[in-house]
Amino acid sequence: MTIAQWIITAGAVVGALGIIFRTLVKPVVSWARRIEKAVSTVEQNMNNNGGSSLRDAIDRIERRLNEVEEIITKPKK
């Protein structure tokens, strides 16, 4: 192989690697970051934080339902 052929081959390999990176690796990394962010957001909402998380809302609903259940099942005498 001549030097020109080596340069052409190296250029083709670099170009192919660039295309593979741009079309395969970069989107997969981007997707993984989005998934990580989404999971992190869900984890934050599942922990009590003083009132604004989903877990706090569920706890408030459960407390109110327990109060309503007590009123319904224990009639006044």
Protein backbone atom coordinates (compact mmCIF):
# COMPACT_ATOMS: atom_id res chain seq x y z
CA MET A 1 0.00 0.00 0.00
CA THR A 2 1.20 3.45 -0.79
CA ILE A 3 1.06 6.39 1.58
CA ALA A 4 -1.86 7.84 -0.37
CA GLN A 5 -3.82 4.62 0.06
CA TRP A 6 -3.04 4.61 3.80
CA ILE A 7 -4.29 8.18 4.10
CA ILE A 8 -7.46 7.38 2.15
CA THR A 9 -8.08 4.27 4.26
CA ALA A 10 -7.48 6.18 7.50
CA GLY A 11 -9.85 8.93 6.32
CA ALA A 12 -12.51 6.38 5.47
CA VAL A 13 -12.15 4.70 8.87
CA VAL A 14 -12.35 8.02 10.70
CA GLY A 15 -15.38 9.02 8.65
CA ALA A 16 -17.10 5.70 9.30
CA LEU A 17 -16.42 5.98 13.03
CA GLY A 18 -17.82 9.52 13.00
CA ILE A 19 -21.00 8.36 11.30
CA ILE A 20 -21.37 5.44 13.72
CA PHE A 21 -20.85 7.77 16.69
CA ARG A 22 -23.33 10.35 15.39
CA THR A 23 -26.06 7.86 14.44
CA LEU A 24 -25.71 5.23 17.16
CA VAL A 25 -23.65 6.21 20.19
CA LYS A 26 -24.80 9.81 20.63
CA PRO A 27 -28.57 9.02 20.51
CA VAL A 28 -28.16 6.13 22.94
CA VAL A 29 -26.26 8.31 25.41
CA SER A 30 -28.88 11.05 25.05
CA TRP A 31 -31.67 8.53 25.64
CA ALA A 32 -29.91 7.16 28.73
CA ARG A 33 -29.56 10.66 30.19
CA ARG A 34 -33.27 11.35 29.65
CA ILE A 35 -34.19 8.07 31.33
CA GLU A 36 -31.88 8.85 34.26
CA LYS A 37 -33.48 12.28 34.68
CA ALA A 38 -36.99 10.82 34.55
CA VAL A 39 -36.17 8.15 37.13
CA SER A 40 -34.61 10.77 39.38
CA THR A 41 -37.75 12.91 39.17
CA VAL A 42 -39.96 9.96 40.05
CA GLU A 43 -37.71 9.05 42.99
CA GLN A 44 -37.93 12.60 44.32
CA ASN A 45 -41.73 12.51 44.13
CA MET A 46 -41.89 9.23 46.04
CA ASN A 47 -40.18 10.70 49.12
CA ASN A 48 -41.89 12.92 51.67
CA ASN A 49 -40.66 16.49 51.45
CA GLY A 50 -43.07 18.47 53.54
CA GLY A 51 -46.14 18.72 51.35
CA SER A 52 -45.51 19.02 47.64
CA SER A 53 -44.50 15.48 46.67
CA LEU A 54 -46.79 12.79 45.32
CA ARG A 55 -46.10 10.72 48.45
CA ASP A 56 -47.33 13.59 50.67
CA ALA A 57 -50.51 13.91 48.61
CA ILE A 58 -51.18 10.17 48.93
CA ASP A 59 -50.61 10.34 52.68
CA ARG A 60 -53.07 13.26 52.99
CA ILE A 61 -55.71 11.37 51.00
CA GLU A 62 -55.21 8.27 53.14
CA ARG A 63 -55.58 10.28 56.35
CA ARG A 64 -58.80 11.87 55.10
CA LEU A 65 -60.21 8.53 53.99
CA ASN A 66 -59.45 7.07 57.41
CA GLU A 67 -61.29 9.98 59.05
CA VAL A 68 -64.29 9.50 56.75
CA GLU A 69 -64.26 5.75 57.41
CA GLU A 70 -64.30 6.35 61.17
CA ILE A 71 -67.25 8.73 60.84
CA ILE A 72 -69.20 6.27 58.70
CA THR A 73 -68.49 3.09 60.68
CA LYS A 74 -68.94 4.62 64.15
CA PRO A 75 -72.33 6.33 64.19
CA LYS A 76 -73.15 8.83 66.93
CA LYS A 77 -75.10 7.45 69.89
